Amino acid sequence: PVILPNGETIPVPVGYGEDHAFCIKEAGDDPDVTDGIEIQAQVEPSPHFEICAGTGVGRFTLPGFDYSPGSPAINKAPRQMLRQNLEKLLTPHSQLLTPNSQLLTLKVTISVPQGEDIARRTFNPRLGIEGGISIIGVSGIVKPFSEEAFIESIRKCMEVAKASGTDRVVLHSGMKSEGFLQTHYPNLPQQAFVEYGNAIGATLQIANELDIPRITLGIMLGKAVKLAEGHLDTHSKKQTMNKAFIIQMLKESGCDTKVIEQIASITLARELWGIIPSEQIETFCRTVIRHCMTHCAPLLPHGDLTILLIDDAGGIH
């Protein structure tokens, strides 16, 4: 059995190789690229207790984690679990313990044979974790994929962004908008670009908690019209495009009846780019951004917030 940080004991099926033990990662129903991989542990004598990264376990190369750059990408909680379980196993064998029962004579090497390949499909390259996957859980329990888990991943990306020393963190909704924003900010490091998905409000709150001084929120029109109405989570399951509010913004922008009448036929907000006359586009963009700022700025009271509206061609407004 394995002891979890909360004291709970759970059975874990273990197999044995020639010089190591191994178990199979189970991710439950989560869309987890590490589901089903083999995780190996090798224990051998050592002058002092240490936990090492074997094949397929990465190393931290940037600050912002529990351990300094160069350390194995195994965070504090998993290390404590390893130590706690080994201490329990070795208590009957006093020769392997120091007088105060602290492990001193074992080296533990964690390996993941498929780790280096799998890591390319995770956030690890963005976080500066190189050479394999990271082991950074905090509970030892697999929980169903949740909004809370996604927001915690945003928090970790924000922490790494801050630790990179960048003077600005740029928030984006995904790969497409990130590419446009990287062109707009060519001198910022990769770690400065953080994906918020749909969790705009939660991400800005994290930025405020971390005292990040300058934030750029890049947003495309589909999410922007929802945010402008005050919806800080823009997921389509929670919010849909409100044509009445779009019409209100068009009127505020000086668009005439001919433009407004076309709104009844649209199904996607991005169709507005082809409806609004070119001479009124910038006025409309400023209207949308003003409404977005009304709802976002209070979440970052001590920071400098810039909101950029991105069109389908990558134009920044």
C-alpha atoms as a PDB file:
ATOM      1  CA  PRO A   1       0.000   0.000   0.000  1.00  0.00           C
ATOM      2  CA  VAL A   2       0.953   3.641  -0.488  1.00  0.00           C
ATOM      3  CA  ILE A   3       0.457   6.353   2.119  1.00  0.00           C
ATOM      4  CA  LEU A   4      -0.980   9.596   0.739  1.00  0.00           C
ATOM      5  CA  PRO A   5      -0.200  13.031   2.230  1.00  0.00           C
ATOM      6  CA  ASN A   6      -3.565  13.038   4.027  1.00  0.00           C
ATOM      7  CA  GLY A   7      -2.676   9.771   5.765  1.00  0.00           C
ATOM      8  CA  GLU A   8      -4.952   7.622   3.619  1.00  0.00           C
ATOM      9  CA  THR A   9      -3.539   4.252   2.583  1.00  0.00           C
ATOM     10  CA  ILE A  10      -4.390   2.846  -0.845  1.00  0.00           C
ATOM     11  CA  PRO A  11      -3.311  -0.347  -2.629  1.00  0.00           C
ATOM     12  CA  VAL A  12      -1.133   0.137  -5.699  1.00  0.00           C
ATOM     13  CA  PRO A  13      -0.450  -2.769  -8.106  1.00  0.00           C
ATOM     14  CA  VAL A  14       3.294  -3.059  -8.541  1.00  0.00           C
ATOM     15  CA  GLY A  15       5.416  -5.113 -10.919  1.00  0.00           C
ATOM     16  CA  TYR A  16       9.132  -5.870 -10.755  1.00  0.00           C
ATOM     17  CA  GLY A  17      11.858  -5.724 -13.368  1.00  0.00           C
ATOM     18  CA  GLU A  18      15.435  -6.907 -13.054  1.00  0.00           C
ATOM     19  CA  ASP A  19      16.531  -3.962 -10.911  1.00  0.00           C
ATOM     20  CA  HIS A  20      13.415  -1.865 -10.410  1.00  0.00           C
ATOM     21  CA  ALA A  21       9.764  -1.824  -9.430  1.00  0.00           C
ATOM     22  CA  PHE A  22       7.097  -0.265 -11.618  1.00  0.00           C
ATOM     23  CA  CYS A  23       3.442   0.656 -11.667  1.00  0.00           C
ATOM     24  CA  ILE A  24       1.046   1.789 -14.405  1.00  0.00           C
ATOM     25  CA  LYS A  25      -0.409   5.287 -14.307  1.00  0.00           C
ATOM     26  CA  GLU A  26      -4.197   5.308 -14.342  1.00  0.00           C
ATOM     27  CA  ALA A  27      -5.844   8.602 -15.271  1.00  0.00           C
ATOM     28  CA  GLY A  28      -9.441   7.453 -14.873  1.00  0.00           C
ATOM     29  CA  ASP A  29     -11.733   9.265 -17.284  1.00  0.00           C
ATOM     30  CA  ASP A  30      -9.374  12.223 -17.754  1.00  0.00           C
ATOM     31  CA  PRO A  31      -8.034  13.111 -21.225  1.00  0.00           C
ATOM     32  CA  ASP A  32      -4.511  12.563 -19.898  1.00  0.00           C
ATOM     33  CA  VAL A  33      -1.628  11.761 -22.264  1.00  0.00           C
ATOM     34  CA  THR A  34       0.153   9.979 -19.394  1.00  0.00           C
ATOM     35  CA  ASP A  35      -2.647   7.439 -18.921  1.00  0.00           C
ATOM     36  CA  GLY A  36      -1.325   3.885 -19.091  1.00  0.00           C
ATOM     37  CA  ILE A  37       2.386   4.728 -18.978  1.00  0.00           C
ATOM     38  CA  GLU A  38       4.870   2.752 -16.919  1.00  0.00           C
ATOM     39  CA  ILE A  39       6.554   4.567 -14.041  1.00  0.00           C
ATOM     40  CA  GLN A  40       9.664   2.901 -12.649  1.00  0.00           C
ATOM     41  CA  ALA A  41      11.490   3.273  -9.351  1.00  0.00           C
ATOM     42  CA  GLN A  42      15.000   2.009  -8.632  1.00  0.00           C
ATOM     43  CA  VAL A  43      16.392   2.119  -5.100  1.00  0.00           C
ATOM     44  CA  GLU A  44      20.076   1.648  -4.294  1.00  0.00           C
ATOM     45  CA  PRO A  45      22.538   2.466  -1.519  1.00  0.00           C
ATOM     46  CA  SER A  46      23.827   6.031  -1.364  1.00  0.00           C
ATOM     47  CA  PRO A  47      25.835   8.169   1.080  1.00  0.00           C
ATOM     48  CA  HIS A  48      22.703  10.283   1.590  1.00  0.00           C
ATOM     49  CA  PHE A  49      19.024  10.251   0.716  1.00  0.00           C
ATOM     50  CA  GLU A  50      18.343  11.626  -2.749  1.00  0.00           C
ATOM     51  CA  ILE A  51      15.667  11.495  -5.411  1.00  0.00           C
ATOM     52  CA  CYS A  52      16.939  11.483  -8.988  1.00  0.00           C
ATOM     53  CA  ALA A  53      15.431  11.812 -12.460  1.00  0.00           C
ATOM     54  CA  GLY A  54      15.959   8.779 -14.636  1.00  0.00           C
ATOM     55  CA  THR A  55      15.033   8.264 -18.274  1.00  0.00           C
ATOM     56  CA  GLY A  56      11.916  10.184 -19.279  1.00  0.00           C
ATOM     57  CA  VAL A  57      11.683  12.411 -16.206  1.00  0.00           C
ATOM     58  CA  GLY A  58      12.466  16.016 -16.987  1.00  0.00           C
ATOM     59  CA  ARG A  59      14.444  18.697 -15.200  1.00  0.00           C
ATOM     60  CA  PHE A  60      13.412  22.210 -14.255  1.00  0.00           C
ATOM     61  CA  THR A  61      15.237  24.817 -16.313  1.00  0.00           C
ATOM     62  CA  LEU A  62      13.278  27.878 -15.125  1.00  0.00           C
ATOM     63  CA  PRO A  63      12.420  29.255 -11.686  1.00  0.00           C
ATOM     64  CA  GLY A  64       8.851  29.124 -10.364  1.00  0.00           C
ATOM     65  CA  PHE A  65       8.705  25.566  -9.042  1.00  0.00           C
ATOM     66  CA  ASP A  66       9.441  24.008  -5.640  1.00  0.00           C
ATOM     67  CA  TYR A  67      13.067  23.372  -6.610  1.00  0.00           C
ATOM     68  CA  SER A  68      15.719  25.322  -8.444  1.00  0.00           C
ATOM     69  CA  PRO A  69      16.636  24.995 -12.135  1.00  0.00           C
ATOM     70  CA  GLY A  70      18.648  21.846 -12.786  1.00  0.00           C
ATOM     71  CA  SER A  71      16.671  19.788 -10.260  1.00  0.00           C
ATOM     72  CA  PRO A  72      14.597  16.760 -11.258  1.00  0.00           C
ATOM     73  CA  ALA A  73      11.067  17.833 -12.215  1.00  0.00           C
ATOM     74  CA  ILE A  74       9.572  16.164  -9.152  1.00  0.00           C
ATOM     75  CA  ASN A  75       7.859  18.599  -6.842  1.00  0.00           C
ATOM     76  CA  LYS A  76       7.710  18.715  -3.065  1.00  0.00           C
ATOM     77  CA  ALA A  77       4.569  16.643  -2.435  1.00  0.00           C
ATOM     78  CA  PRO A  78       5.645  13.600  -4.512  1.00  0.00           C
ATOM     79  CA  ARG A  79       9.077  13.706  -2.853  1.00  0.00           C
ATOM     80  CA  GLN A  80       7.457  13.740   0.571  1.00  0.00           C
ATOM     81  CA  MET A  81       5.285  10.773  -0.394  1.00  0.00           C
ATOM     82  CA  LEU A  82       8.323   8.817  -1.567  1.00  0.00           C
ATOM     83  CA  ARG A  83      10.197   9.534   1.635  1.00  0.00           C
ATOM     84  CA  GLN A  84       7.220   8.801   3.880  1.00  0.00           C
ATOM     85  CA  ASN A  85       6.555   5.430   2.279  1.00  0.00           C
ATOM     86  CA  LEU A  86      10.216   4.425   2.323  1.00  0.00           C
ATOM     87  CA  GLU A  87      10.516   5.360   5.985  1.00  0.00           C
ATOM     88  CA  LYS A  88       7.558   3.125   6.772  1.00  0.00           C
ATOM     89  CA  LEU A  89       9.089   0.218   4.863  1.00  0.00           C
ATOM     90  CA  LEU A  90      12.534   0.656   6.390  1.00  0.00           C
ATOM     91  CA  THR A  91      11.580   1.220  10.021  1.00  0.00           C
ATOM     92  CA  PRO A  92      12.280  -2.473  10.859  1.00  0.00           C
ATOM     93  CA  HIS A  93      15.725  -2.126   9.247  1.00  0.00           C
ATOM     94  CA  SER A  94      17.478   0.321  11.544  1.00  0.00           C
ATOM     95  CA  GLN A  95      20.830  -0.054   9.804  1.00  0.00           C
ATOM     96  CA  LEU A  96      19.400   1.898   6.862  1.00  0.00           C
ATOM     97  CA  LEU A  97      18.291   4.785   9.055  1.00  0.00           C
ATOM     98  CA  THR A  98      20.139   7.460  10.977  1.00  0.00           C
ATOM     99  CA  PRO A  99      19.600   7.642  14.761  1.00  0.00           C
ATOM    100  CA  ASN A 100      16.778  10.187  14.311  1.00  0.00           C
ATOM    101  CA  SER A 101      15.044   7.897  11.778  1.00  0.00           C
ATOM    102  CA  GLN A 102      15.853  10.077   8.784  1.00  0.00           C
ATOM    103  CA  LEU A 103      16.680   8.292   5.535  1.00  0.00           C
ATOM    104  CA  LEU A 104      20.319   8.783   4.738  1.00  0.00           C
ATOM    105  CA  THR A 105      21.474   5.795   2.757  1.00  0.00           C
ATOM    106  CA  LEU A 106      19.178   5.448  -0.245  1.00  0.00           C
ATOM    107  CA  LYS A 107      19.106   6.851  -3.752  1.00  0.00           C
ATOM    108  CA  VAL A 108      15.720   6.703  -5.487  1.00  0.00           C
ATOM    109  CA  THR A 109      15.630   7.066  -9.269  1.00  0.00           C
ATOM    110  CA  ILE A 110      12.264   7.611 -10.938  1.00  0.00           C
ATOM    111  CA  SER A 111      12.057   6.775 -14.646  1.00  0.00           C
ATOM    112  CA  VAL A 112       9.328   6.884 -17.281  1.00  0.00           C
ATOM    113  CA  PRO A 113      10.464   5.035 -20.428  1.00  0.00           C
ATOM    114  CA  GLN A 114       7.990   6.920 -22.682  1.00  0.00           C
ATOM    115  CA  GLY A 115       8.340  10.201 -20.831  1.00  0.00           C
ATOM    116  CA  GLU A 116      10.445  12.212 -23.247  1.00  0.00           C
ATOM    117  CA  ASP A 117       8.065  11.594 -26.151  1.00  0.00           C
ATOM    118  CA  ILE A 118       4.924  12.199 -24.089  1.00  0.00           C
ATOM    119  CA  ALA A 119       6.293  15.439 -22.643  1.00  0.00           C
ATOM    120  CA  ARG A 120       6.200  17.051 -26.091  1.00  0.00           C
ATOM    121  CA  ARG A 121       2.384  16.840 -25.890  1.00  0.00           C
ATOM    122  CA  THR A 122       2.142  18.597 -22.540  1.00  0.00           C
ATOM    123  CA  PHE A 123       2.688  22.111 -21.166  1.00  0.00           C
ATOM    124  CA  ASN A 124       6.206  21.090 -20.073  1.00  0.00           C
ATOM    125  CA  PRO A 125       8.192  22.711 -22.911  1.00  0.00           C
ATOM    126  CA  ARG A 126       6.375  25.985 -22.217  1.00  0.00           C
ATOM    127  CA  LEU A 127       7.159  25.692 -18.500  1.00  0.00           C
ATOM    128  CA  GLY A 128      10.839  25.059 -19.134  1.00  0.00           C
ATOM    129  CA  ILE A 129      10.750  21.379 -18.140  1.00  0.00           C
ATOM    130  CA  GLU A 130      13.123  19.540 -20.451  1.00  0.00           C
ATOM    131  CA  GLY A 131      13.932  15.892 -21.061  1.00  0.00           C
ATOM    132  CA  GLY A 132      10.683  14.272 -20.014  1.00  0.00           C
ATOM    133  CA  ILE A 133       7.485  14.533 -18.027  1.00  0.00           C
ATOM    134  CA  SER A 134       7.113  16.220 -14.662  1.00  0.00           C
ATOM    135  CA  ILE A 135       5.795  14.703 -11.450  1.00  0.00           C
ATOM    136  CA  ILE A 136       4.147  17.658  -9.758  1.00  0.00           C
ATOM    137  CA  GLY A 137       0.923  16.349  -8.211  1.00  0.00           C
ATOM    138  CA  VAL A 138      -0.054  17.318  -4.695  1.00  0.00           C
ATOM    139  CA  SER A 139      -2.509  14.666  -3.497  1.00  0.00           C
ATOM    140  CA  GLY A 140      -1.618  11.318  -5.055  1.00  0.00           C
ATOM    141  CA  ILE A 141      -5.278  10.933  -6.011  1.00  0.00           C
ATOM    142  CA  VAL A 142      -6.553  11.121  -9.576  1.00  0.00           C
ATOM    143  CA  LYS A 143      -9.590  13.385  -9.698  1.00  0.00           C
ATOM    144  CA  PRO A 144     -11.893  13.860 -12.710  1.00  0.00           C
ATOM    145  CA  PHE A 145     -10.840  16.665 -15.027  1.00  0.00           C
ATOM    146  CA  SER A 146     -12.324  19.853 -13.649  1.00  0.00           C
ATOM    147  CA  GLU A 147     -12.421  23.588 -14.054  1.00  0.00           C
ATOM    148  CA  GLU A 148     -10.453  23.812 -10.821  1.00  0.00           C
ATOM    149  CA  ALA A 149      -7.668  21.656 -12.264  1.00  0.00           C
ATOM    150  CA  PHE A 150      -7.464  23.784 -15.406  1.00  0.00           C
ATOM    151  CA  ILE A 151      -7.290  26.993 -13.401  1.00  0.00           C
ATOM    152  CA  GLU A 152      -4.488  25.520 -11.292  1.00  0.00           C
ATOM    153  CA  SER A 153      -2.574  24.813 -14.510  1.00  0.00           C
ATOM    154  CA  ILE A 154      -3.074  28.468 -15.466  1.00  0.00           C
ATOM    155  CA  ARG A 155      -1.733  29.506 -12.070  1.00  0.00           C
ATOM    156  CA  LYS A 156       1.421  27.440 -12.569  1.00  0.00           C
ATOM    157  CA  CYS A 157       1.972  28.973 -16.022  1.00  0.00           C
ATOM    158  CA  MET A 158       1.523  32.442 -14.520  1.00  0.00           C
ATOM    159  CA  GLU A 159       4.008  31.670 -11.756  1.00  0.00           C
ATOM    160  CA  VAL A 160       6.573  30.522 -14.298  1.00  0.00           C
ATOM    161  CA  ALA A 161       5.896  33.610 -16.430  1.00  0.00           C
ATOM    162  CA  LYS A 162       6.529  35.872 -13.447  1.00  0.00           C
ATOM    163  CA  ALA A 163       9.659  33.974 -12.462  1.00  0.00           C
ATOM    164  CA  SER A 164      11.025  34.361 -16.004  1.00  0.00           C
ATOM    165  CA  GLY A 165      11.448  38.076 -15.324  1.00  0.00           C
ATOM    166  CA  THR A 166       9.213  39.260 -18.157  1.00  0.00           C
ATOM    167  CA  ASP A 167       7.847  42.790 -17.765  1.00  0.00           C
ATOM    168  CA  ARG A 168       4.506  41.788 -19.321  1.00  0.00           C
ATOM    169  CA  VAL A 169       2.345  38.652 -19.342  1.00  0.00           C
ATOM    170  CA  VAL A 170       0.184  38.170 -22.422  1.00  0.00           C
ATOM    171  CA  LEU A 171      -3.027  36.188 -22.019  1.00  0.00           C
ATOM    172  CA  HIS A 172      -4.552  34.390 -24.996  1.00  0.00           C
ATOM    173  CA  SER A 173      -7.352  31.941 -25.701  1.00  0.00           C
ATOM    174  CA  GLY A 174      -5.406  29.369 -27.709  1.00  0.00           C
ATOM    175  CA  MET A 175      -2.843  28.604 -30.372  1.00  0.00           C
ATOM    176  CA  LYS A 176      -4.274  30.861 -33.086  1.00  0.00           C
ATOM    177  CA  SER A 177      -4.483  33.998 -30.967  1.00  0.00           C
ATOM    178  CA  GLU A 178      -1.134  33.213 -29.349  1.00  0.00           C
ATOM    179  CA  GLY A 179       0.562  33.236 -32.751  1.00  0.00           C
ATOM    180  CA  PHE A 180      -0.864  36.649 -33.591  1.00  0.00           C
ATOM    181  CA  LEU A 181       0.133  38.046 -30.193  1.00  0.00           C
ATOM    182  CA  GLN A 182       3.667  36.685 -30.437  1.00  0.00           C
ATOM    183  CA  THR A 183       4.025  38.639 -33.660  1.00  0.00           C
ATOM    184  CA  HIS A 184       2.772  41.737 -31.851  1.00  0.00           C
ATOM    185  CA  TYR A 185       5.212  41.198 -28.952  1.00  0.00           C
ATOM    186  CA  PRO A 186       8.255  39.640 -30.669  1.00  0.00           C
ATOM    187  CA  ASN A 187      10.686  40.386 -27.847  1.00  0.00           C
ATOM    188  CA  LEU A 188       8.815  38.614 -25.066  1.00  0.00           C
ATOM    189  CA  PRO A 189       9.927  35.103 -24.006  1.00  0.00           C
ATOM    190  CA  GLN A 190       7.662  32.143 -24.708  1.00  0.00           C
ATOM    191  CA  GLN A 191       6.873  31.823 -21.001  1.00  0.00           C
ATOM    192  CA  ALA A 192       5.223  35.276 -21.089  1.00  0.00           C
ATOM    193  CA  PHE A 193       2.302  33.909 -23.145  1.00  0.00           C
ATOM    194  CA  VAL A 194      -0.312  32.162 -21.000  1.00  0.00           C
ATOM    195  CA  GLU A 195      -3.503  30.508 -22.255  1.00  0.00           C
ATOM    196  CA  TYR A 196      -6.722  31.305 -20.393  1.00  0.00           C
ATOM    197  CA  GLY A 197      -9.063  29.162 -22.495  1.00  0.00           C
ATOM    198  CA  ASN A 198     -12.374  30.589 -21.352  1.00  0.00           C
ATOM    199  CA  ALA A 199     -11.464  31.410 -17.742  1.00  0.00           C
ATOM    200  CA  ILE A 200     -10.786  35.112 -18.229  1.00  0.00           C
ATOM    201  CA  GLY A 201     -11.947  36.266 -14.815  1.00  0.00           C
ATOM    202  CA  ALA A 202     -10.063  33.578 -12.891  1.00  0.00           C
ATOM    203  CA  THR A 203      -6.875  34.270 -14.861  1.00  0.00           C
ATOM    204  CA  LEU A 204      -6.998  38.004 -14.145  1.00  0.00           C
ATOM    205  CA  GLN A 205      -7.576  37.274 -10.462  1.00  0.00           C
ATOM    206  CA  ILE A 206      -4.477  35.074 -10.440  1.00  0.00           C
ATOM    207  CA  ALA A 207      -2.499  37.869 -12.101  1.00  0.00           C
ATOM    208  CA  ASN A 208      -3.633  40.210  -9.351  1.00  0.00           C
ATOM    209  CA  GLU A 209      -2.714  37.720  -6.605  1.00  0.00           C
ATOM    210  CA  LEU A 210       0.763  37.312  -8.107  1.00  0.00           C
ATOM    211  CA  ASP A 211       1.235  41.105  -8.406  1.00  0.00           C
ATOM    212  CA  ILE A 212       2.027  40.936 -12.114  1.00  0.00           C
ATOM    213  CA  PRO A 213       2.351  44.618 -13.083  1.00  0.00           C
ATOM    214  CA  ARG A 214       1.423  44.564 -16.777  1.00  0.00           C
ATOM    215  CA  ILE A 215      -1.111  42.288 -18.412  1.00  0.00           C
ATOM    216  CA  THR A 216      -2.231  42.131 -22.033  1.00  0.00           C
ATOM    217  CA  LEU A 217      -5.480  40.283 -22.670  1.00  0.00           C
ATOM    218  CA  GLY A 218      -5.704  39.192 -26.293  1.00  0.00           C
ATOM    219  CA  ILE A 219      -9.184  38.142 -27.329  1.00  0.00           C
ATOM    220  CA  MET A 220     -10.982  37.246 -30.545  1.00  0.00           C
ATOM    221  CA  LEU A 221     -14.435  38.553 -31.338  1.00  0.00           C
ATOM    222  CA  GLY A 222     -16.449  35.444 -30.410  1.00  0.00           C
ATOM    223  CA  LYS A 223     -15.283  35.606 -26.827  1.00  0.00           C
ATOM    224  CA  ALA A 224     -15.052  39.385 -26.775  1.00  0.00           C
ATOM    225  CA  VAL A 225     -18.779  39.971 -27.310  1.00  0.00           C
ATOM    226  CA  LYS A 226     -19.505  37.680 -24.342  1.00  0.00           C
ATOM    227  CA  LEU A 227     -16.879  39.327 -22.154  1.00  0.00           C
ATOM    228  CA  ALA A 228     -18.157  42.773 -23.123  1.00  0.00           C
ATOM    229  CA  GLU A 229     -21.535  41.820 -21.662  1.00  0.00           C
ATOM    230  CA  GLY A 230     -19.865  40.840 -18.391  1.00  0.00           C
ATOM    231  CA  HIS A 231     -19.399  37.093 -18.799  1.00  0.00           C
ATOM    232  CA  LEU A 232     -15.951  36.362 -17.332  1.00  0.00           C
ATOM    233  CA  ASP A 233     -16.176  32.684 -18.329  1.00  0.00           C
ATOM    234  CA  THR A 234     -16.898  32.539 -22.053  1.00  0.00           C
ATOM    235  CA  HIS A 235     -17.418  28.778 -22.451  1.00  0.00           C
ATOM    236  CA  SER A 236     -20.142  28.053 -24.999  1.00  0.00           C
ATOM    237  CA  LYS A 237     -21.869  25.720 -22.528  1.00  0.00           C
ATOM    238  CA  LYS A 238     -22.331  28.637 -20.156  1.00  0.00           C
ATOM    239  CA  GLN A 239     -22.797  31.637 -22.436  1.00  0.00           C
ATOM    240  CA  THR A 240     -24.077  32.168 -25.947  1.00  0.00           C
ATOM    241  CA  MET A 241     -23.819  35.148 -28.241  1.00  0.00           C
ATOM    242  CA  ASN A 242     -26.393  37.797 -27.303  1.00  0.00           C
ATOM    243  CA  LYS A 243     -27.491  39.503 -30.519  1.00  0.00           C
ATOM    244  CA  ALA A 244     -29.420  42.171 -28.623  1.00  0.00           C
ATOM    245  CA  PHE A 245     -26.252  43.244 -26.833  1.00  0.00           C
ATOM    246  CA  ILE A 246     -24.275  43.210 -30.072  1.00  0.00           C
ATOM    247  CA  ILE A 247     -26.904  45.491 -31.605  1.00  0.00           C
ATOM    248  CA  GLN A 248     -26.529  47.814 -28.624  1.00  0.00           C
ATOM    249  CA  MET A 249     -22.761  48.025 -29.241  1.00  0.00           C
ATOM    250  CA  LEU A 250     -23.299  48.607 -32.961  1.00  0.00           C
ATOM    251  CA  LYS A 251     -25.619  51.506 -32.158  1.00  0.00           C
ATOM    252  CA  GLU A 252     -23.046  52.910 -29.721  1.00  0.00           C
ATOM    253  CA  SER A 253     -20.530  52.705 -32.565  1.00  0.00           C
ATOM    254  CA  GLY A 254     -22.728  54.720 -34.916  1.00  0.00           C
ATOM    255  CA  CYS A 255     -23.685  51.881 -37.252  1.00  0.00           C
ATOM    256  CA  ASP A 256     -26.859  52.494 -39.234  1.00  0.00           C
ATOM    257  CA  THR A 257     -30.047  50.459 -39.573  1.00  0.00           C
ATOM    258  CA  LYS A 258     -28.786  48.662 -42.682  1.00  0.00           C
ATOM    259  CA  VAL A 259     -25.899  47.141 -40.690  1.00  0.00           C
ATOM    260  CA  ILE A 260     -28.041  46.329 -37.682  1.00  0.00           C
ATOM    261  CA  GLU A 261     -30.669  44.508 -39.773  1.00  0.00           C
ATOM    262  CA  GLN A 262     -28.027  42.003 -40.917  1.00  0.00           C
ATOM    263  CA  ILE A 263     -27.386  40.805 -37.353  1.00  0.00           C
ATOM    264  CA  ALA A 264     -30.507  38.634 -37.376  1.00  0.00           C
ATOM    265  CA  SER A 265     -28.895  36.265 -39.904  1.00  0.00           C
ATOM    266  CA  ILE A 266     -25.489  35.723 -38.258  1.00  0.00           C
ATOM    267  CA  THR A 267     -24.616  32.564 -36.342  1.00  0.00           C
ATOM    268  CA  LEU A 268     -21.048  33.462 -35.358  1.00  0.00           C
ATOM    269  CA  ALA A 269     -19.725  36.740 -33.984  1.00  0.00           C
ATOM    270  CA  ARG A 270     -16.811  36.734 -36.411  1.00  0.00           C
ATOM    271  CA  GLU A 271     -19.281  37.322 -39.253  1.00  0.00           C
ATOM    272  CA  LEU A 272     -19.415  40.902 -37.959  1.00  0.00           C
ATOM    273  CA  TRP A 273     -16.035  41.574 -39.581  1.00  0.00           C
ATOM    274  CA  GLY A 274     -17.708  41.248 -42.980  1.00  0.00           C
ATOM    275  CA  ILE A 275     -20.812  43.236 -42.063  1.00  0.00           C
ATOM    276  CA  ILE A 276     -19.477  46.358 -40.380  1.00  0.00           C
ATOM    277  CA  PRO A 277     -18.233  48.978 -42.873  1.00  0.00           C
ATOM    278  CA  SER A 278     -14.464  49.347 -42.849  1.00  0.00           C
ATOM    279  CA  GLU A 279     -14.666  52.978 -41.782  1.00  0.00           C
ATOM    280  CA  GLN A 280     -16.568  51.955 -38.626  1.00  0.00           C
ATOM    281  CA  ILE A 281     -14.521  48.908 -37.642  1.00  0.00           C
ATOM    282  CA  GLU A 282     -12.137  50.746 -35.320  1.00  0.00           C
ATOM    283  CA  THR A 283     -14.998  52.571 -33.583  1.00  0.00           C
ATOM    284  CA  PHE A 284     -16.772  49.242 -33.016  1.00  0.00           C
ATOM    285  CA  CYS A 285     -13.563  47.661 -31.707  1.00  0.00           C
ATOM    286  CA  ARG A 286     -13.090  50.505 -29.252  1.00  0.00           C
ATOM    287  CA  THR A 287     -16.667  50.051 -28.067  1.00  0.00           C
ATOM    288  CA  VAL A 288     -16.186  46.318 -27.482  1.00  0.00           C
ATOM    289  CA  ILE A 289     -12.868  46.881 -25.680  1.00  0.00           C
ATOM    290  CA  ARG A 290     -14.415  49.596 -23.508  1.00  0.00           C
ATOM    291  CA  HIS A 291     -17.138  47.222 -22.346  1.00  0.00           C
ATOM    292  CA  CYS A 292     -14.583  44.451 -21.765  1.00  0.00           C
ATOM    293  CA  MET A 293     -12.412  46.802 -19.752  1.00  0.00           C
ATOM    294  CA  THR A 294     -15.372  47.735 -17.545  1.00  0.00           C
ATOM    295  CA  HIS A 295     -15.619  44.156 -16.332  1.00  0.00           C
ATOM    296  CA  CYS A 296     -11.910  43.219 -16.346  1.00  0.00           C
ATOM    297  CA  ALA A 297     -10.135  46.244 -14.875  1.00  0.00           C
ATOM    298  CA  PRO A 298     -11.642  45.807 -11.360  1.00  0.00           C
ATOM    299  CA  LEU A 299     -10.049  42.352 -11.199  1.00  0.00           C
ATOM    300  CA  LEU A 300      -6.596  43.879 -11.644  1.00  0.00           C
ATOM    301  CA  PRO A 301      -6.811  46.998  -9.434  1.00  0.00           C
ATOM    302  CA  HIS A 302      -3.051  47.432  -9.029  1.00  0.00           C
ATOM    303  CA  GLY A 303      -1.963  46.370 -12.513  1.00  0.00           C
ATOM    304  CA  ASP A 304      -1.794  47.913 -15.961  1.00  0.00           C
ATOM    305  CA  LEU A 305      -4.296  46.109 -18.204  1.00  0.00           C
ATOM    306  CA  THR A 306      -4.260  46.283 -22.008  1.00  0.00           C
ATOM    307  CA  ILE A 307      -7.012  44.586 -24.026  1.00  0.00           C
ATOM    308  CA  LEU A 308      -6.351  43.774 -27.678  1.00  0.00           C
ATOM    309  CA  LEU A 309      -9.118  42.636 -30.009  1.00  0.00           C
ATOM    310  CA  ILE A 310      -7.832  40.250 -32.676  1.00  0.00           C
ATOM    311  CA  ASP A 311      -9.533  39.760 -36.019  1.00  0.00           C
ATOM    312  CA  ASP A 312      -9.508  36.564 -38.074  1.00  0.00           C
ATOM    313  CA  ALA A 313      -6.593  37.761 -40.215  1.00  0.00           C
ATOM    314  CA  GLY A 314      -4.442  38.491 -37.187  1.00  0.00           C
ATOM    315  CA  GLY A 315      -5.069  42.217 -37.148  1.00  0.00           C
ATOM    316  CA  ILE A 316      -4.692  43.801 -33.727  1.00  0.00           C
ATOM    317  CA  HIS A 317      -7.217  46.449 -32.688  1.00  0.00           C
END
